[in-house]
Amino acid sequence: MASTWARSCGVLLYRGARSSTPLTIGRPLSLALRDPAQQRWSSHSPLGTAPDPARKKVTMSVLRSMYKKNVPITMMTAHDFPSAHVADVAGMDMILVGDSLAMVALGMQDTSEVTVDDMLLHCKSVARATRAAFTIGDLPMGSYEVSPEQALATAIRFVKEGRVQGIKLEGGKEMAPTIKKITDAGIPVLAHVGLTPQRQNALGGFRVQGKTSKGALRVLEDALAVQEAGCFAMVLEAVPAEVAGIITQKLSVPTIGIGAGNGCSGQVLVQVDMSGYFPPGRTIPKFVKQYGNVWAESLRAIESYREEVKSRQYPAPEHTYPIPKEELDSFTKEAEKL
């Protein structure tokens, strides 16, 4: 039994060489792996320690307080455990599991392809990594437009299965009854007006909205309608900064801008865009500021790994596990007999 257990837990082999913690037969594997002296033997790295002191959990009341105090709200997209973990540790107030993951994580052509099941899988991953930020799941195209009842059913799945704290949906006045239905059920809704990417075909592409007096008034009317329906905040996308500023002043809930100027109550960007995790030559929207170059650093690291493997520089002695000389000599002799 002892040998079987040790083989099934290969991460603990040769534990006696560097760990003073004895392995008790029958000791639960989960306890063994939590032991700091033994985690180093795992083939994967542990999550690491949480920031100290731990950041206060962002709730609806925290977001309302920030809005009343005119403190800008930060939101970032995330599509998996690592991207959510770094966004949370970096101090994002809200993390959005956006349907943009269709392109940046799944390689699809646009957001119309992504399904509810796709989104739920990514929501679960993000939720596991997020400790402080308020998490939002984006309802994909086709999962909420049929009726308020359909939308509520989808929203409930996002909360129960996706483990997010709220949902986002696109649309203005026509979505007001749907937003009310969901909020009446106790699920926070982040609305989305201005440019609504899921409707790009109807809008003639990804076009700036509100560039005329009539168009700007239409965006304002949409914003007032979704506010009245009960949304706790709204994304305001691809709207002239001056128009977005006026709309923000007319509302009593926060606006989260993306391509809408700095007069909004907060800002959101797609993490892949702002961190530079894409190859050279890719076109990014005008409103995106690239704060890093994750692609270049990842490429450098992977190329270095490839070269060191080819030249046998890696793994070096410090990356290997030791064996007592007498045991190795004994093994060598026995191996020669075979």
Protein backbone atom coordinates (compact mmCIF):
# COMPACT_ATOMS: atom_id res chain seq x y z
CA MET A 1 0.00 0.00 0.00
CA ALA A 2 2.81 2.36 0.94
CA SER A 3 4.62 1.92 -2.37
CA THR A 4 1.39 2.31 -4.35
CA TRP A 5 0.54 5.53 -2.53
CA ALA A 6 4.01 6.92 -3.11
CA ARG A 7 3.86 6.15 -6.83
CA SER A 8 0.47 7.84 -7.12
CA CYS A 9 1.95 10.87 -5.48
CA GLY A 10 5.15 11.21 -7.47
CA VAL A 11 5.45 14.80 -6.37
CA LEU A 12 6.66 13.49 -3.00
CA LEU A 13 9.42 11.18 -4.23
CA TYR A 14 12.75 11.71 -2.51
CA ARG A 15 11.01 13.91 0.00
CA GLY A 16 13.46 12.88 2.69
CA ALA A 17 16.37 14.45 0.84
CA ARG A 18 15.11 18.02 1.35
CA SER A 19 12.03 17.94 3.56
CA SER A 20 12.02 17.44 7.29
CA THR A 21 8.27 16.75 7.25
CA PRO A 22 7.67 13.00 7.55
CA LEU A 23 5.16 11.34 5.25
CA THR A 24 2.60 9.47 7.29
CA ILE A 25 0.99 6.57 5.45
CA GLY A 26 -2.69 7.29 5.14
CA ARG A 27 -2.17 11.03 5.43
CA PRO A 28 -4.61 12.75 3.03
CA LEU A 29 -2.98 13.82 -0.21
CA SER A 30 -4.58 17.25 0.02
CA LEU A 31 -2.87 17.86 3.36
CA ALA A 32 0.46 16.68 2.03
CA LEU A 33 0.28 18.99 -0.97
CA ARG A 34 -0.60 21.97 1.21
CA ASP A 35 2.59 21.48 3.21
CA PRO A 36 4.98 24.27 2.05
CA ALA A 37 7.93 21.89 2.37
CA GLN A 38 6.36 19.49 -0.13
CA GLN A 39 4.59 21.78 -2.61
CA ARG A 40 7.93 22.35 -4.37
CA TRP A 41 7.88 18.79 -5.67
CA SER A 42 4.68 19.25 -7.64
CA SER A 43 4.78 19.48 -11.42
CA HIS A 44 2.69 22.64 -11.18
CA SER A 45 3.23 25.79 -9.17
CA PRO A 46 0.86 26.70 -6.33
CA LEU A 47 -1.29 29.80 -6.67
CA GLY A 48 0.84 31.75 -4.22
CA THR A 49 -0.08 33.84 -1.23
CA ALA A 50 -2.83 36.41 -1.28
CA PRO A 51 -1.92 40.09 -1.06
CA ASP A 52 -1.33 41.18 2.53
CA PRO A 53 -3.39 42.77 3.84
CA ALA A 54 -6.22 41.18 1.89
CA ARG A 55 -8.19 43.66 -0.22
CA LYS A 56 -11.74 44.41 0.85
CA LYS A 57 -14.36 42.60 -1.20
CA VAL A 58 -15.99 44.88 -3.76
CA THR A 59 -19.77 44.73 -3.44
CA MET A 60 -22.67 46.70 -4.85
CA SER A 61 -22.55 49.02 -1.83
CA VAL A 62 -18.82 49.60 -2.38
CA LEU A 63 -19.43 50.48 -6.02
CA ARG A 64 -22.25 52.87 -5.06
CA SER A 65 -19.99 54.51 -2.50
CA MET A 66 -17.23 54.97 -5.07
CA TYR A 67 -19.72 56.54 -7.46
CA LYS A 68 -21.06 58.96 -4.84
CA LYS A 69 -17.52 59.99 -3.90
CA ASN A 70 -16.61 60.44 -7.58
CA VAL A 71 -13.89 57.79 -7.33
CA PRO A 72 -13.27 56.30 -10.80
CA ILE A 73 -14.27 52.63 -11.11
CA THR A 74 -11.80 50.29 -12.81
CA MET A 75 -12.97 47.31 -14.83
CA MET A 76 -10.95 44.81 -16.84
CA THR A 77 -11.91 41.78 -18.89
CA ALA A 78 -10.61 38.33 -17.99
CA HIS A 79 -11.31 35.00 -19.65
CA ASP A 80 -9.54 32.40 -17.52
CA PHE A 81 -7.91 31.74 -14.16
CA PRO A 82 -4.54 33.46 -14.83
CA SER A 83 -6.02 36.58 -16.43
CA ALA A 84 -8.55 36.94 -13.60
CA HIS A 85 -5.94 36.32 -10.92
CA VAL A 86 -3.62 39.06 -12.18
CA ALA A 87 -6.51 41.51 -12.64
CA ASP A 88 -7.75 40.86 -9.12
CA VAL A 89 -4.30 41.16 -7.53
CA ALA A 90 -3.71 44.37 -9.54
CA GLY A 91 -6.72 45.90 -7.80
CA MET A 92 -9.47 45.94 -10.41
CA ASP A 93 -12.82 46.92 -8.89
CA MET A 94 -14.76 44.82 -11.40
CA ILE A 95 -13.79 41.93 -13.64
CA LEU A 96 -15.89 41.30 -16.74
CA VAL A 97 -15.99 37.92 -18.40
CA GLY A 98 -16.74 39.56 -21.71
CA ASP A 99 -17.99 37.86 -24.83
CA SER A 100 -14.86 39.27 -26.48
CA LEU A 101 -13.30 36.00 -25.29
CA ALA A 102 -14.85 34.57 -28.45
CA MET A 103 -12.01 36.21 -30.37
CA VAL A 104 -9.19 36.60 -27.85
CA ALA A 105 -9.51 33.18 -26.17
CA LEU A 106 -11.35 30.94 -28.63
CA GLY A 107 -10.16 32.30 -31.98
CA MET A 108 -13.65 32.97 -33.33
CA GLN A 109 -14.40 35.63 -35.92
CA ASP A 110 -16.76 37.65 -33.75
CA THR A 111 -18.90 37.46 -30.61
CA SER A 112 -21.94 36.00 -32.40
CA GLU A 113 -20.34 32.53 -32.35
CA VAL A 114 -19.83 32.14 -28.61
CA THR A 115 -22.44 30.11 -26.69
CA VAL A 116 -23.82 30.13 -23.16
CA ASP A 117 -21.91 26.96 -22.34
CA ASP A 118 -18.69 28.54 -23.63
CA MET A 119 -19.24 31.58 -21.44
CA LEU A 120 -20.13 29.55 -18.36
CA LEU A 121 -16.90 27.56 -18.58
CA HIS A 122 -14.87 30.76 -18.64
CA CYS A 123 -16.98 32.37 -15.90
CA LYS A 124 -16.23 29.44 -13.60
CA SER A 125 -12.51 29.75 -14.25
CA VAL A 126 -12.53 33.49 -13.57
CA ALA A 127 -14.62 33.09 -10.43
CA ARG A 128 -12.13 30.62 -8.95
CA ALA A 129 -9.34 33.20 -9.21
CA THR A 130 -11.22 36.29 -8.06
CA ARG A 131 -11.22 37.14 -4.37
CA ALA A 132 -11.97 40.86 -4.17
CA ALA A 133 -13.27 42.21 -7.49
CA PHE A 134 -16.98 42.23 -8.37
CA THR A 135 -17.44 39.74 -11.22
CA ILE A 136 -19.75 40.19 -14.19
CA GLY A 137 -20.69 37.64 -16.86
CA ASP A 138 -21.59 38.79 -20.37
CA LEU A 139 -24.75 37.22 -21.77
CA PRO A 140 -23.95 36.08 -25.33
CA MET A 141 -26.02 36.85 -28.40
CA GLY A 142 -29.15 34.71 -28.62
CA SER A 143 -29.38 33.98 -24.90
CA TYR A 144 -31.57 36.89 -23.78
CA GLU A 145 -33.24 38.66 -26.74
CA VAL A 146 -36.20 36.29 -27.23
CA SER A 147 -38.02 37.27 -24.05
CA PRO A 148 -37.43 38.58 -20.52
CA GLU A 149 -38.11 35.04 -19.29
CA GLN A 150 -35.35 33.62 -21.48
CA ALA A 151 -32.98 36.32 -20.25
CA LEU A 152 -33.77 35.62 -16.60
CA ALA A 153 -33.22 31.90 -17.08
CA THR A 154 -29.82 32.59 -18.65
CA ALA A 155 -28.89 35.09 -15.94
CA ILE A 156 -29.72 32.56 -13.24
CA ARG A 157 -27.40 30.03 -14.89
CA PHE A 158 -24.59 32.60 -14.93
CA VAL A 159 -24.97 33.18 -11.19
CA LYS A 160 -25.56 29.56 -10.14
CA GLU A 161 -23.22 27.78 -12.55
CA GLY A 162 -20.83 30.53 -13.62
CA ARG A 163 -20.45 31.83 -10.04
CA VAL A 164 -20.44 35.50 -11.10
CA GLN A 165 -22.11 38.24 -9.06
CA GLY A 166 -23.89 40.02 -11.88
CA ILE A 167 -24.54 39.92 -15.60
CA LYS A 168 -24.16 42.28 -18.55
CA LEU A 169 -26.39 42.56 -21.58
CA GLU A 170 -26.47 44.87 -24.59
CA GLY A 171 -29.28 47.12 -25.69
CA GLY A 172 -31.22 50.25 -24.82
CA LYS A 173 -34.91 51.03 -24.49
CA GLU A 174 -35.96 47.73 -26.04
CA MET A 175 -34.10 45.86 -23.29
CA ALA A 176 -35.69 47.76 -20.40
CA PRO A 177 -38.35 45.11 -19.64
CA THR A 178 -35.65 42.42 -19.70
CA ILE A 179 -33.40 44.35 -17.31
CA LYS A 180 -36.33 44.88 -14.95
CA LYS A 181 -37.18 41.19 -15.02
CA ILE A 182 -33.64 40.22 -14.07
CA THR A 183 -33.14 42.88 -11.42
CA ASP A 184 -36.53 42.07 -9.86
CA ALA A 185 -35.17 38.56 -9.36
CA GLY A 186 -32.26 39.99 -7.39
CA ILE A 187 -29.51 39.72 -10.02
CA PRO A 188 -27.44 42.89 -10.63
CA VAL A 189 -27.41 44.02 -14.27
CA LEU A 190 -24.68 46.00 -16.01
CA ALA A 191 -26.31 47.54 -19.08
CA HIS A 192 -24.47 48.36 -22.32
CA VAL A 193 -25.46 51.22 -24.64
CA GLY A 194 -23.85 53.18 -27.46
CA LEU A 195 -21.99 50.81 -29.74
CA THR A 196 -23.34 47.33 -29.07
CA PRO A 197 -20.95 44.87 -30.78
CA GLN A 198 -23.41 41.99 -30.85
CA ARG A 199 -25.50 44.12 -33.23
CA GLN A 200 -22.64 45.14 -35.50
CA ASN A 201 -24.43 43.84 -38.59
CA ALA A 202 -27.45 46.04 -37.92
CA LEU A 203 -25.20 49.02 -37.12
CA GLY A 204 -23.16 48.63 -40.29
CA GLY A 205 -20.03 47.54 -38.44
CA PHE A 206 -18.15 48.84 -35.41
CA ARG A 207 -19.15 52.47 -35.79
CA VAL A 208 -19.02 55.33 -33.31
CA GLN A 209 -22.48 56.16 -31.99
CA GLY A 210 -23.90 59.57 -31.06
CA LYS A 211 -21.93 61.62 -33.59
CA THR A 212 -24.99 63.65 -34.49
CA SER A 213 -27.42 65.50 -32.24
CA LYS A 214 -30.13 62.98 -33.08
CA GLY A 215 -27.82 60.04 -32.54
CA ALA A 216 -26.54 61.42 -29.22
CA LEU A 217 -30.11 61.96 -28.01
CA ARG A 218 -30.92 58.35 -28.88
CA VAL A 219 -28.00 57.11 -26.75
CA LEU A 220 -29.14 59.35 -23.87
CA GLU A 221 -32.69 58.01 -24.13
CA ASP A 222 -31.35 54.46 -24.05
CA ALA A 223 -29.22 55.27 -21.01
CA LEU A 224 -32.17 56.78 -19.13
CA ALA A 225 -34.37 53.81 -20.03
CA VAL A 226 -31.95 51.14 -18.77
CA GLN A 227 -31.34 53.18 -15.62
CA GLU A 228 -35.08 53.34 -14.97
CA ALA A 229 -35.29 49.59 -15.53
CA GLY A 230 -32.90 49.03 -12.63
CA CYS A 231 -29.36 48.50 -13.94
CA PHE A 232 -26.70 49.33 -11.34
CA ALA A 233 -24.33 50.75 -13.98
CA MET A 234 -23.86 50.78 -17.72
CA VAL A 235 -21.08 50.42 -20.25
CA LEU A 236 -20.98 53.37 -22.63
CA GLU A 237 -19.07 52.33 -25.75
CA ALA A 238 -17.69 54.29 -28.71
CA VAL A 239 -19.41 57.59 -28.02
CA PRO A 240 -17.79 61.06 -28.39
CA ALA A 241 -16.26 62.13 -25.08
CA GLU A 242 -18.38 65.28 -24.83
CA VAL A 243 -21.60 63.32 -25.37
CA ALA A 244 -20.56 60.66 -22.86
CA GLY A 245 -19.79 63.38 -20.31
CA ILE A 246 -23.24 64.93 -20.66
CA ILE A 247 -24.94 61.53 -20.46
CA THR A 248 -22.94 60.67 -17.33
CA GLN A 249 -24.06 63.90 -15.68
CA LYS A 250 -27.71 63.16 -16.51
CA LEU A 251 -27.63 59.76 -14.81
CA SER A 252 -27.71 58.62 -11.20
CA VAL A 253 -25.81 55.37 -11.84
CA PRO A 254 -22.19 54.94 -12.97
CA THR A 255 -21.12 54.87 -16.60
CA ILE A 256 -18.17 52.63 -17.50
CA GLY A 257 -16.55 54.03 -20.60
CA ILE A 258 -14.78 52.21 -23.39
CA GLY A 259 -13.91 54.63 -26.14
CA ALA A 260 -16.08 57.26 -24.45
CA GLY A 261 -13.59 59.67 -22.88
CA ASN A 262 -12.54 60.26 -19.28
CA GLY A 263 -15.74 61.95 -18.22
CA CYS A 264 -17.34 58.58 -17.46
CA SER A 265 -17.59 57.19 -13.93
CA GLY A 266 -15.08 54.47 -14.76
CA GLN A 267 -13.27 52.69 -17.57
CA VAL A 268 -13.02 49.17 -19.01
CA LEU A 269 -10.56 47.65 -21.46
CA VAL A 270 -10.03 44.19 -22.92
CA GLN A 271 -7.03 42.78 -21.05
CA VAL A 272 -5.47 41.17 -24.12
CA ASP A 273 -5.53 44.54 -25.90
CA MET A 274 -4.15 46.74 -23.14
CA SER A 275 -1.46 44.25 -22.08
CA GLY A 276 -0.21 43.70 -25.63
CA TYR A 277 -0.82 39.97 -25.75
CA PHE A 278 -1.04 39.78 -29.54
CA PRO A 279 1.41 39.52 -32.45
CA PRO A 280 2.83 42.57 -34.24
CA GLY A 281 0.63 43.94 -36.99
CA ARG A 282 -2.71 43.36 -35.29
CA THR A 283 -5.01 46.36 -35.43
CA ILE A 284 -6.41 47.55 -32.13
CA PRO A 285 -9.17 50.12 -31.58
CA LYS A 286 -8.22 53.80 -31.37
CA PHE A 287 -9.29 54.04 -27.74
CA VAL A 288 -6.91 51.31 -26.53
CA LYS A 289 -3.72 52.34 -24.77
CA GLN A 290 -1.21 49.49 -24.77
CA TYR A 291 0.37 49.36 -21.32
CA GLY A 292 2.63 46.38 -21.91
CA ASN A 293 3.94 43.87 -24.43
CA VAL A 294 3.09 40.46 -23.04
CA TRP A 295 3.41 38.85 -26.48
CA ALA A 296 7.05 39.95 -26.86
CA GLU A 297 7.99 38.76 -23.38
CA SER A 298 6.23 35.42 -23.83
CA LEU A 299 7.86 34.96 -27.23
CA ARG A 300 11.29 35.74 -25.78
CA ALA A 301 10.81 33.27 -22.92
CA ILE A 302 9.53 30.45 -25.14
CA GLU A 303 12.27 30.96 -27.71
CA SER A 304 14.88 30.89 -24.92
CA TYR A 305 13.39 27.64 -23.63
CA ARG A 306 13.50 26.11 -27.10
CA GLU A 307 17.15 27.08 -27.57
CA GLU A 308 18.21 25.77 -24.16
CA VAL A 309 16.47 22.45 -24.74
CA LYS A 310 18.10 22.11 -28.18
CA SER A 311 21.54 22.88 -26.71
CA ARG A 312 20.92 20.76 -23.60
CA GLN A 313 21.46 23.75 -21.30
CA TYR A 314 18.09 22.96 -19.77
CA PRO A 315 17.44 21.26 -17.45
CA ALA A 316 20.54 22.21 -15.43
CA PRO A 317 21.52 20.32 -12.25
CA GLU A 318 19.52 22.73 -10.09
CA HIS A 319 16.36 21.67 -11.95
CA THR A 320 16.75 17.95 -11.21
CA TYR A 321 16.06 15.72 -8.19
CA PRO A 322 18.93 14.17 -6.22
CA ILE A 323 19.56 10.52 -5.41
CA PRO A 324 22.08 9.30 -2.81
CA LYS A 325 25.28 8.03 -4.47
CA GLU A 326 25.02 4.58 -2.88
CA GLU A 327 21.47 4.18 -4.18
CA LEU A 328 22.56 5.24 -7.66
CA ASP A 329 25.49 2.82 -7.61
CA SER A 330 23.18 0.02 -6.53
CA PHE A 331 20.63 0.90 -9.24
CA THR A 332 23.38 1.05 -11.89
CA LYS A 333 24.61 -2.43 -10.98
CA GLU A 334 21.10 -3.86 -11.01
CA ALA A 335 20.31 -2.17 -14.34
CA GLU A 336 23.40 -3.71 -15.94
CA LYS A 337 22.10 -7.18 -15.10
CA LEU A 338 18.93 -6.65 -17.12
